[in-house]
Amino acid sequence: MGACAGLTPTPYDSGDSRREQGICKAGNKKIRCLMVELSWLWLRYQPDSALSQWYQRRFAEGGKRQRRIGIVAMARKLLVALWRYVEHGVLPEGAVLSS
C-alpha cells in the first residue's frame, strides 16, 4: 500500500556508502498529499490512538523538520492501518468511532 502512494523509503547503497534518501515519491501524488493531511487530522482527532501515541513519543519533541519527517512516516502507517480496516474490519488500535 505504501508503494502505491509513494510513501516507501529509498535507500542508497553503493560500496561502503549506505544512507536513506527519503521517500520514493513514485506513487500517486494525490494519495500521498491526502494521507499527509489525514495524518495531521488523525493526530488532532484521535490523540489516544496507538498511532498518535507513537508519533508523540518519536517526533513531538523534535524540531519542525523532525515533525514533518515523522508525519510522512505516520502517513504510511495510517494508510496501512486504514487498508486493514477496509479489507478485514480491523480498527486501528485505540481509535474511536463516532456516529
PDB file of N, CA and C in Angstrom:
ATOM      1  N   MET A   1       0.819  -1.189   0.000  1.00  0.00           N
ATOM      2  CA  MET A   1       0.000   0.000   0.000  1.00  0.00           C
ATOM      3  C   MET A   1       0.859   1.248   0.000  1.00  0.00           C
ATOM      4  N   GLY A   2       1.918   1.232   0.782  1.00  0.00           N
ATOM      5  CA  GLY A   2       2.780   2.411   0.864  1.00  0.00           C
ATOM      6  C   GLY A   2       3.425   2.758  -0.463  1.00  0.00           C
ATOM      7  N   ALA A   3       3.762   1.740  -1.251  1.00  0.00           N
ATOM      8  CA  ALA A   3       4.383   1.974  -2.549  1.00  0.00           C
ATOM      9  C   ALA A   3       3.413   2.613  -3.530  1.00  0.00           C
ATOM     10  N   CYS A   4       2.138   2.261  -3.446  1.00  0.00           N
ATOM     11  CA  CYS A   4       1.132   2.862  -4.333  1.00  0.00           C
ATOM     12  C   CYS A   4       1.004   4.349  -4.089  1.00  0.00           C
ATOM     13  N   ALA A   5       1.239   4.779  -2.861  1.00  0.00           N
ATOM     14  CA  ALA A   5       1.129   6.193  -2.520  1.00  0.00           C
ATOM     15  C   ALA A   5       2.478   6.907  -2.579  1.00  0.00           C
ATOM     16  N   GLY A   6       3.547   6.169  -2.841  1.00  0.00           N
ATOM     17  CA  GLY A   6       4.871   6.790  -2.878  1.00  0.00           C
ATOM     18  C   GLY A   6       5.378   7.135  -1.494  1.00  0.00           C
ATOM     19  N   LEU A   7       5.077   6.316  -0.522  1.00  0.00           N
ATOM     20  CA  LEU A   7       5.478   6.579   0.860  1.00  0.00           C
ATOM     21  C   LEU A   7       6.480   5.556   1.381  1.00  0.00           C
ATOM     22  N   THR A   8       7.239   4.935   0.496  1.00  0.00           N
ATOM     23  CA  THR A   8       8.237   3.961   0.927  1.00  0.00           C
ATOM     24  C   THR A   8       9.628   4.584   0.878  1.00  0.00           C
ATOM     25  N   PRO A   9      10.542   4.133   1.724  1.00  0.00           N
ATOM     26  CA  PRO A   9      11.886   4.710   1.734  1.00  0.00           C
ATOM     27  C   PRO A   9      12.698   4.305   0.503  1.00  0.00           C
ATOM     28  N   THR A  10      13.673   5.142   0.153  1.00  0.00           N
ATOM     29  CA  THR A  10      14.567   4.825  -0.959  1.00  0.00           C
ATOM     30  C   THR A  10      16.003   4.819  -0.446  1.00  0.00           C
ATOM     31  N   PRO A  11      16.515   3.638  -0.139  1.00  0.00           N
ATOM     32  CA  PRO A  11      17.892   3.564   0.348  1.00  0.00           C
ATOM     33  C   PRO A  11      18.901   3.724  -0.794  1.00  0.00           C
ATOM     34  N   TYR A  12      20.040   4.284  -0.468  1.00  0.00           N
ATOM     35  CA  TYR A  12      21.149   4.395  -1.409  1.00  0.00           C
ATOM     36  C   TYR A  12      22.232   3.476  -0.887  1.00  0.00           C
ATOM     37  N   ASP A  13      22.648   2.520  -1.706  1.00  0.00           N
ATOM     38  CA  ASP A  13      23.620   1.535  -1.272  1.00  0.00           C
ATOM     39  C   ASP A  13      24.640   1.347  -2.382  1.00  0.00           C
ATOM     40  N   SER A  14      25.854   1.867  -2.175  1.00  0.00           N
ATOM     41  CA  SER A  14      26.904   1.743  -3.172  1.00  0.00           C
ATOM     42  C   SER A  14      28.231   1.547  -2.461  1.00  0.00           C
ATOM     43  N   GLY A  15      28.765   0.361  -2.569  1.00  0.00           N
ATOM     44  CA  GLY A  15      30.032   0.071  -1.902  1.00  0.00           C
ATOM     45  C   GLY A  15      29.891   0.165  -0.400  1.00  0.00           C
ATOM     46  N   ASP A  16      30.698   1.018   0.226  1.00  0.00           N
ATOM     47  CA  ASP A  16      30.639   1.199   1.674  1.00  0.00           C
ATOM     48  C   ASP A  16      29.638   2.269   2.083  1.00  0.00           C
ATOM     49  N   SER A  17      29.099   2.988   1.118  1.00  0.00           N
ATOM     50  CA  SER A  17      28.173   4.085   1.404  1.00  0.00           C
ATOM     51  C   SER A  17      26.731   3.587   1.452  1.00  0.00           C
ATOM     52  N   ARG A  18      26.094   3.804   2.594  1.00  0.00           N
ATOM     53  CA  ARG A  18      24.681   3.430   2.765  1.00  0.00           C
ATOM     54  C   ARG A  18      23.971   4.572   3.464  1.00  0.00           C
ATOM     55  N   ARG A  19      22.869   5.052   2.872  1.00  0.00           N
ATOM     56  CA  ARG A  19      22.090   6.107   3.520  1.00  0.00           C
ATOM     57  C   ARG A  19      20.680   6.130   2.956  1.00  0.00           C
ATOM     58  N   GLU A  20      19.783   6.779   3.664  1.00  0.00           N
ATOM     59  CA  GLU A  20      18.409   6.936   3.220  1.00  0.00           C
ATOM     60  C   GLU A  20      18.285   8.231   2.432  1.00  0.00           C
ATOM     61  N   GLN A  21      17.492   8.187   1.367  1.00  0.00           N
ATOM     62  CA  GLN A  21      17.299   9.370   0.538  1.00  0.00           C
ATOM     63  C   GLN A  21      15.899   9.952   0.692  1.00  0.00           C
ATOM     64  N   GLY A  22      15.147   9.502   1.658  1.00  0.00           N
ATOM     65  CA  GLY A  22      13.786   9.987   1.838  1.00  0.00           C
ATOM     66  C   GLY A  22      12.790   9.042   1.188  1.00  0.00           C
ATOM     67  N   ILE A  23      11.582   9.531   0.951  1.00  0.00           N
ATOM     68  CA  ILE A  23      10.563   8.690   0.337  1.00  0.00           C
ATOM     69  C   ILE A  23      10.732   8.681  -1.171  1.00  0.00           C
ATOM     70  N   CYS A  24      10.206   7.638  -1.813  1.00  0.00           N
ATOM     71  CA  CYS A  24      10.459   7.453  -3.238  1.00  0.00           C
ATOM     72  C   CYS A  24       9.627   8.369  -4.123  1.00  0.00           C
ATOM     73  N   LYS A  25       8.426   8.758  -3.709  1.00  0.00           N
ATOM     74  CA  LYS A  25       7.540   9.641  -4.471  1.00  0.00           C
ATOM     75  C   LYS A  25       7.189   9.084  -5.844  1.00  0.00           C
ATOM     76  N   ALA A  26       7.269   7.771  -6.011  1.00  0.00           N
ATOM     77  CA  ALA A  26       6.950   7.153  -7.294  1.00  0.00           C
ATOM     78  C   ALA A  26       5.471   6.826  -7.420  1.00  0.00           C
ATOM     79  N   GLY A  27       4.725   6.972  -6.351  1.00  0.00           N
ATOM     80  CA  GLY A  27       3.306   6.625  -6.366  1.00  0.00           C
ATOM     81  C   GLY A  27       2.432   7.811  -6.712  1.00  0.00           C
ATOM     82  N   ASN A  28       1.168   7.688  -6.376  1.00  0.00           N
ATOM     83  CA  ASN A  28       0.165   8.690  -6.677  1.00  0.00           C
ATOM     84  C   ASN A  28       0.333   9.904  -5.762  1.00  0.00           C
ATOM     85  N   LYS A  29       0.597  11.064  -6.347  1.00  0.00           N
ATOM     86  CA  LYS A  29       0.850  12.285  -5.582  1.00  0.00           C
ATOM     87  C   LYS A  29      -0.384  12.716  -4.789  1.00  0.00           C
ATOM     88  N   LYS A  30      -1.555  12.550  -5.366  1.00  0.00           N
ATOM     89  CA  LYS A  30      -2.781  12.962  -4.680  1.00  0.00           C
ATOM     90  C   LYS A  30      -3.025  12.125  -3.429  1.00  0.00           C
ATOM     91  N   ILE A  31      -2.780  10.831  -3.532  1.00  0.00           N
ATOM     92  CA  ILE A  31      -2.951   9.957  -2.362  1.00  0.00           C
ATOM     93  C   ILE A  31      -1.932  10.324  -1.292  1.00  0.00           C
ATOM     94  N   ARG A  32      -0.687  10.583  -1.712  1.00  0.00           N
ATOM     95  CA  ARG A  32       0.363  10.942  -0.760  1.00  0.00           C
ATOM     96  C   ARG A  32       0.002  12.227  -0.019  1.00  0.00           C
ATOM     97  N   CYS A  33      -0.440  13.247  -0.737  1.00  0.00           N
ATOM     98  CA  CYS A  33      -0.825  14.517  -0.106  1.00  0.00           C
ATOM     99  C   CYS A  33      -2.026  14.328   0.812  1.00  0.00           C
ATOM    100  N   LEU A  34      -2.980  13.547   0.359  1.00  0.00           N
ATOM    101  CA  LEU A  34      -4.175  13.278   1.165  1.00  0.00           C
ATOM    102  C   LEU A  34      -3.804  12.568   2.464  1.00  0.00           C
ATOM    103  N   MET A  35      -2.916  11.601   2.398  1.00  0.00           N
ATOM    104  CA  MET A  35      -2.540  10.850   3.588  1.00  0.00           C
ATOM    105  C   MET A  35      -1.763  11.715   4.578  1.00  0.00           C
ATOM    106  N   VAL A  36      -0.948  12.633   4.087  1.00  0.00           N
ATOM    107  CA  VAL A  36      -0.223  13.527   4.994  1.00  0.00           C
ATOM    108  C   VAL A  36      -1.219  14.435   5.717  1.00  0.00           C
ATOM    109  N   GLU A  37      -2.177  14.992   4.977  1.00  0.00           N
ATOM    110  CA  GLU A  37      -3.198  15.836   5.603  1.00  0.00           C
ATOM    111  C   GLU A  37      -4.046  15.030   6.579  1.00  0.00           C
ATOM    112  N   LEU A  38      -4.410  13.824   6.197  1.00  0.00           N
ATOM    113  CA  LEU A  38      -5.199  12.960   7.066  1.00  0.00           C
ATOM    114  C   LEU A  38      -4.434  12.607   8.339  1.00  0.00           C
ATOM    115  N   SER A  39      -3.130  12.481   8.232  1.00  0.00           N
ATOM    116  CA  SER A  39      -2.308  12.178   9.400  1.00  0.00           C
ATOM    117  C   SER A  39      -2.328  13.319  10.409  1.00  0.00           C
ATOM    118  N   TRP A  40      -2.244  14.561   9.910  1.00  0.00           N
ATOM    119  CA  TRP A  40      -2.344  15.706  10.824  1.00  0.00           C
ATOM    120  C   TRP A  40      -3.708  15.713  11.512  1.00  0.00           C
ATOM    121  N   LEU A  41      -4.772  15.423  10.754  1.00  0.00           N
ATOM    122  CA  LEU A  41      -6.116  15.371  11.342  1.00  0.00           C
ATOM    123  C   LEU A  41      -6.244  14.219  12.335  1.00  0.00           C
ATOM    124  N   TRP A  42      -5.609  13.091  12.023  1.00  0.00           N
ATOM    125  CA  TRP A  42      -5.633  11.934  12.923  1.00  0.00           C
ATOM    126  C   TRP A  42      -5.016  12.309  14.265  1.00  0.00           C
ATOM    127  N   LEU A  43      -3.902  13.029  14.234  1.00  0.00           N
ATOM    128  CA  LEU A  43      -3.262  13.466  15.474  1.00  0.00           C
ATOM    129  C   LEU A  43      -4.199  14.354  16.290  1.00  0.00           C
ATOM    130  N   ARG A  44      -4.956  15.169  15.599  1.00  0.00           N
ATOM    131  CA  ARG A  44      -5.842  16.107  16.291  1.00  0.00           C
ATOM    132  C   ARG A  44      -7.088  15.431  16.865  1.00  0.00           C
ATOM    133  N   TYR A  45      -7.700  14.544  16.086  1.00  0.00           N
ATOM    134  CA  TYR A  45      -8.981  13.974  16.485  1.00  0.00           C
ATOM    135  C   TYR A  45      -8.901  12.562  17.072  1.00  0.00           C
ATOM    136  N   GLN A  46      -7.761  11.915  17.003  1.00  0.00           N
ATOM    137  CA  GLN A  46      -7.570  10.588  17.593  1.00  0.00           C
ATOM    138  C   GLN A  46      -6.302  10.588  18.469  1.00  0.00           C
ATOM    139  N   PRO A  47      -6.230  11.489  19.443  1.00  0.00           N
ATOM    140  CA  PRO A  47      -4.983  11.618  20.219  1.00  0.00           C
ATOM    141  C   PRO A  47      -4.654  10.400  21.087  1.00  0.00           C
ATOM    142  N   ASP A  48      -5.645   9.558  21.385  1.00  0.00           N
ATOM    143  CA  ASP A  48      -5.389   8.403  22.243  1.00  0.00           C
ATOM    144  C   ASP A  48      -5.093   7.128  21.473  1.00  0.00           C
ATOM    145  N   SER A  49      -5.066   7.204  20.150  1.00  0.00           N
ATOM    146  CA  SER A  49      -4.796   6.006  19.354  1.00  0.00           C
ATOM    147  C   SER A  49      -3.317   5.633  19.443  1.00  0.00           C
ATOM    148  N   ALA A  50      -3.026   4.392  19.120  1.00  0.00           N
ATOM    149  CA  ALA A  50      -1.637   3.911  19.166  1.00  0.00           C
ATOM    150  C   ALA A  50      -0.755   4.665  18.176  1.00  0.00           C
ATOM    151  N   LEU A  51      -1.293   5.002  17.009  1.00  0.00           N
ATOM    152  CA  LEU A  51      -0.505   5.748  16.015  1.00  0.00           C
ATOM    153  C   LEU A  51      -0.140   7.133  16.529  1.00  0.00           C
ATOM    154  N   SER A  52      -1.097   7.812  17.137  1.00  0.00           N
ATOM    155  CA  SER A  52      -0.828   9.152  17.674  1.00  0.00           C
ATOM    156  C   SER A  52       0.179   9.091  18.808  1.00  0.00           C
ATOM    157  N   GLN A  53       0.051   8.095  19.656  1.00  0.00           N
ATOM    158  CA  GLN A  53       0.999   7.933  20.760  1.00  0.00           C
ATOM    159  C   GLN A  53       2.405   7.649  20.236  1.00  0.00           C
ATOM    160  N   TRP A  54       2.494   6.817  19.193  1.00  0.00           N
ATOM    161  CA  TRP A  54       3.785   6.517  18.576  1.00  0.00           C
ATOM    162  C   TRP A  54       4.418   7.792  18.039  1.00  0.00           C
ATOM    163  N   TYR A  55       3.638   8.599  17.331  1.00  0.00           N
ATOM    164  CA  TYR A  55       4.154   9.855  16.775  1.00  0.00           C
ATOM    165  C   TYR A  55       4.631  10.781  17.897  1.00  0.00           C
ATOM    166  N   GLN A  56       3.837  10.901  18.944  1.00  0.00           N
ATOM    167  CA  GLN A  56       4.200  11.792  20.051  1.00  0.00           C
ATOM    168  C   GLN A  56       5.500  11.353  20.715  1.00  0.00           C
ATOM    169  N   ARG A  57       5.665  10.050  20.907  1.00  0.00           N
ATOM    170  CA  ARG A  57       6.906   9.550  21.519  1.00  0.00           C
ATOM    171  C   ARG A  57       8.117   9.802  20.641  1.00  0.00           C
ATOM    172  N   ARG A  58       7.974   9.583  19.329  1.00  0.00           N
ATOM    173  CA  ARG A  58       9.129   9.658  18.428  1.00  0.00           C
ATOM    174  C   ARG A  58       9.469  11.049  17.934  1.00  0.00           C
ATOM    175  N   PHE A  59       8.442  11.881  17.669  1.00  0.00           N
ATOM    176  CA  PHE A  59       8.699  13.108  16.929  1.00  0.00           C
ATOM    177  C   PHE A  59       8.217  14.403  17.579  1.00  0.00           C
ATOM    178  N   ALA A  60       7.399  14.353  18.603  1.00  0.00           N
ATOM    179  CA  ALA A  60       6.824  15.575  19.164  1.00  0.00           C
ATOM    180  C   ALA A  60       7.876  16.496  19.780  1.00  0.00           C
ATOM    181  N   GLU A  61       8.911  15.937  20.337  1.00  0.00           N
ATOM    182  CA  GLU A  61       9.945  16.739  20.993  1.00  0.00           C
ATOM    183  C   GLU A  61      10.949  17.331  20.006  1.00  0.00           C
ATOM    184  N   GLY A  62      10.949  16.841  18.775  1.00  0.00           N
ATOM    185  CA  GLY A  62      11.899  17.320  17.774  1.00  0.00           C
ATOM    186  C   GLY A  62      11.496  18.668  17.210  1.00  0.00           C
ATOM    187  N   GLY A  63      12.319  19.167  16.336  1.00  0.00           N
ATOM    188  CA  GLY A  63      12.037  20.444  15.687  1.00  0.00           C
ATOM    189  C   GLY A  63      11.032  20.280  14.563  1.00  0.00           C
ATOM    190  N   LYS A  64      10.821  21.365  13.850  1.00  0.00           N
ATOM    191  CA  LYS A  64       9.840  21.385  12.764  1.00  0.00           C
ATOM    192  C   LYS A  64      10.170  20.346  11.688  1.00  0.00           C
ATOM    193  N   ARG A  65      11.433  20.239  11.330  1.00  0.00           N
ATOM    194  CA  ARG A  65      11.846  19.275  10.303  1.00  0.00           C
ATOM    195  C   ARG A  65      11.585  17.845  10.748  1.00  0.00           C
ATOM    196  N   GLN A  66      11.872  17.528  12.000  1.00  0.00           N
ATOM    197  CA  GLN A  66      11.633  16.180  12.522  1.00  0.00           C
ATOM    198  C   GLN A  66      10.147  15.842  12.538  1.00  0.00           C
ATOM    199  N   ARG A  67       9.315  16.821  12.885  1.00  0.00           N
ATOM    200  CA  ARG A  67       7.869  16.574  12.889  1.00  0.00           C
ATOM    201  C   ARG A  67       7.347  16.325  11.484  1.00  0.00           C
ATOM    202  N   ARG A  68       7.884  17.027  10.492  1.00  0.00           N
ATOM    203  CA  ARG A  68       7.458  16.808   9.100  1.00  0.00           C
ATOM    204  C   ARG A  68       7.901  15.440   8.610  1.00  0.00           C
ATOM    205  N   ILE A  69       9.090  15.019   8.963  1.00  0.00           N
ATOM    206  CA  ILE A  69       9.554  13.675   8.605  1.00  0.00           C
ATOM    207  C   ILE A  69       8.670  12.633   9.278  1.00  0.00           C
ATOM    208  N   GLY A  70       8.350  12.882  10.523  1.00  0.00           N
ATOM    209  CA  GLY A  70       7.511  11.954  11.275  1.00  0.00           C
ATOM    210  C   GLY A  70       6.108  11.828  10.732  1.00  0.00           C
ATOM    211  N   ILE A  71       5.559  12.922  10.222  1.00  0.00           N
ATOM    212  CA  ILE A  71       4.186  12.860   9.724  1.00  0.00           C
ATOM    213  C   ILE A  71       4.115  12.029   8.454  1.00  0.00           C
ATOM    214  N   VAL A  72       5.173  12.003   7.672  1.00  0.00           N
ATOM    215  CA  VAL A  72       5.206  11.148   6.478  1.00  0.00           C
ATOM    216  C   VAL A  72       5.285   9.680   6.890  1.00  0.00           C
ATOM    217  N   ALA A  73       6.068   9.398   7.912  1.00  0.00           N
ATOM    218  CA  ALA A  73       6.132   8.027   8.428  1.00  0.00           C
ATOM    219  C   ALA A  73       4.770   7.613   8.988  1.00  0.00           C
ATOM    220  N   MET A  74       4.121   8.538   9.674  1.00  0.00           N
ATOM    221  CA  MET A  74       2.800   8.226  10.210  1.00  0.00           C
ATOM    222  C   MET A  74       1.782   8.061   9.084  1.00  0.00           C
ATOM    223  N   ALA A  75       1.921   8.824   8.019  1.00  0.00           N
ATOM    224  CA  ALA A  75       1.003   8.698   6.873  1.00  0.00           C
ATOM    225  C   ALA A  75       1.079   7.292   6.291  1.00  0.00           C
ATOM    226  N   ARG A  76       2.283   6.748   6.179  1.00  0.00           N
ATOM    227  CA  ARG A  76       2.448   5.387   5.671  1.00  0.00           C
ATOM    228  C   ARG A  76       1.799   4.376   6.607  1.00  0.00           C
ATOM    229  N   LYS A  77       2.036   4.525   7.917  1.00  0.00           N
ATOM    230  CA  LYS A  77       1.440   3.614   8.893  1.00  0.00           C
ATOM    231  C   LYS A  77      -0.085   3.735   8.906  1.00  0.00           C
ATOM    232  N   LEU A  78      -0.585   4.954   8.793  1.00  0.00           N
ATOM    233  CA  LEU A  78      -2.035   5.169   8.793  1.00  0.00           C
ATOM    234  C   LEU A  78      -2.680   4.591   7.543  1.00  0.00           C
ATOM    235  N   LEU A  79      -2.021   4.725   6.404  1.00  0.00           N
ATOM    236  CA  LEU A  79      -2.541   4.150   5.167  1.00  0.00           C
ATOM    237  C   LEU A  79      -2.702   2.639   5.294  1.00  0.00           C
ATOM    238  N   VAL A  80      -1.705   1.984   5.846  1.00  0.00           N
ATOM    239  CA  VAL A  80      -1.768   0.533   6.037  1.00  0.00           C
ATOM    240  C   VAL A  80      -2.858   0.176   7.048  1.00  0.00           C
ATOM    241  N   ALA A  81      -2.959   0.950   8.134  1.00  0.00           N
ATOM    242  CA  ALA A  81      -3.982   0.678   9.148  1.00  0.00           C
ATOM    243  C   ALA A  81      -5.393   0.852   8.581  1.00  0.00           C
ATOM    244  N   LEU A  82      -5.593   1.884   7.775  1.00  0.00           N
ATOM    245  CA  LEU A  82      -6.913   2.097   7.176  1.00  0.00           C
ATOM    246  C   LEU A  82      -7.226   1.038   6.125  1.00  0.00           C
ATOM    247  N   TRP A  83      -6.205   0.577   5.404  1.00  0.00           N
ATOM    248  CA  TRP A  83      -6.408  -0.518   4.448  1.00  0.00           C
ATOM    249  C   TRP A  83      -6.856  -1.779   5.182  1.00  0.00           C
ATOM    250  N   ARG A  84      -6.222  -2.060   6.328  1.00  0.00           N
ATOM    251  CA  ARG A  84      -6.625  -3.225   7.127  1.00  0.00           C
ATOM    252  C   ARG A  84      -8.074  -3.094   7.600  1.00  0.00           C
ATOM    253  N   TYR A  85      -8.464  -1.863   7.941  1.00  0.00           N
ATOM    254  CA  TYR A  85      -9.841  -1.635   8.381  1.00  0.00           C
ATOM    255  C   TYR A  85     -10.823  -1.907   7.245  1.00  0.00           C
ATOM    256  N   VAL A  86     -10.511  -1.430   6.052  1.00  0.00           N
ATOM    257  CA  VAL A  86     -11.404  -1.618   4.904  1.00  0.00           C
ATOM    258  C   VAL A  86     -11.440  -3.083   4.474  1.00  0.00           C
ATOM    259  N   GLU A  87     -10.291  -3.730   4.403  1.00  0.00           N
ATOM    260  CA  GLU A  87     -10.214  -5.109   3.921  1.00  0.00           C
ATOM    261  C   GLU A  87     -10.682  -6.146   4.937  1.00  0.00           C
ATOM    262  N   HIS A  88     -10.282  -5.975   6.189  1.00  0.00           N
ATOM    263  CA  HIS A  88     -10.507  -7.013   7.187  1.00  0.00           C
ATOM    264  C   HIS A  88     -11.376  -6.565   8.367  1.00  0.00           C
ATOM    265  N   GLY A  89     -11.730  -5.294   8.407  1.00  0.00           N
ATOM    266  CA  GLY A  89     -12.553  -4.793   9.508  1.00  0.00           C
ATOM    267  C   GLY A  89     -11.799  -4.593  10.804  1.00  0.00           C
ATOM    268  N   VAL A  90     -10.477  -4.555  10.749  1.00  0.00           N
ATOM    269  CA  VAL A  90      -9.652  -4.382  11.940  1.00  0.00           C
ATOM    270  C   VAL A  90      -9.470  -2.889  12.196  1.00  0.00           C
ATOM    271  N   LEU A  91     -10.070  -2.380  13.248  1.00  0.00           N
ATOM    272  CA  LEU A  91      -9.985  -0.973  13.610  1.00  0.00           C
ATOM    273  C   LEU A  91      -8.578  -0.670  14.128  1.00  0.00           C
ATOM    274  N   PRO A  92      -7.973   0.463  13.717  1.00  0.00           N
ATOM    275  CA  PRO A  92      -6.656   0.821  14.261  1.00  0.00           C
ATOM    276  C   PRO A  92      -6.707   0.886  15.785  1.00  0.00           C
ATOM    277  N   GLU A  93      -5.681   0.389  16.427  1.00  0.00           N
ATOM    278  CA  GLU A  93      -5.646   0.277  17.880  1.00  0.00           C
ATOM    279  C   GLU A  93      -5.842   1.637  18.555  1.00  0.00           C
ATOM    280  N   GLY A  94      -6.809   1.702  19.444  1.00  0.00           N
ATOM    281  CA  GLY A  94      -7.071   2.918  20.190  1.00  0.00           C
ATOM    282  C   GLY A  94      -7.960   3.931  19.485  1.00  0.00           C
ATOM    283  N   ALA A  95      -8.339   3.668  18.248  1.00  0.00           N
ATOM    284  CA  ALA A  95      -9.180   4.597  17.500  1.00  0.00           C
ATOM    285  C   ALA A  95     -10.612   4.527  18.022  1.00  0.00           C
ATOM    286  N   VAL A  96     -11.291   5.657  18.007  1.00  0.00           N
ATOM    287  CA  VAL A  96     -12.664   5.740  18.486  1.00  0.00           C
ATOM    288  C   VAL A  96     -13.559   6.163  17.326  1.00  0.00           C
ATOM    289  N   LEU A  97     -14.586   5.354  17.057  1.00  0.00           N
ATOM    290  CA  LEU A  97     -15.554   5.700  16.013  1.00  0.00           C
ATOM    291  C   LEU A  97     -16.633   6.583  16.616  1.00  0.00           C
ATOM    292  N   SER A  98     -17.045   7.586  15.864  1.00  0.00           N
ATOM    293  CA  SER A  98     -18.157   8.427  16.321  1.00  0.00           C
ATOM    294  C   SER A  98     -19.293   8.306  15.335  1.00  0.00           C
ATOM    295  N   SER A  99     -20.493   8.514  15.815  1.00  0.00           N
ATOM    296  CA  SER A  99     -21.652   8.388  14.947  1.00  0.00           C
ATOM    297  C   SER A  99     -22.161   9.718  14.448  1.00  0.00           C
TER     298      SER A  99
END
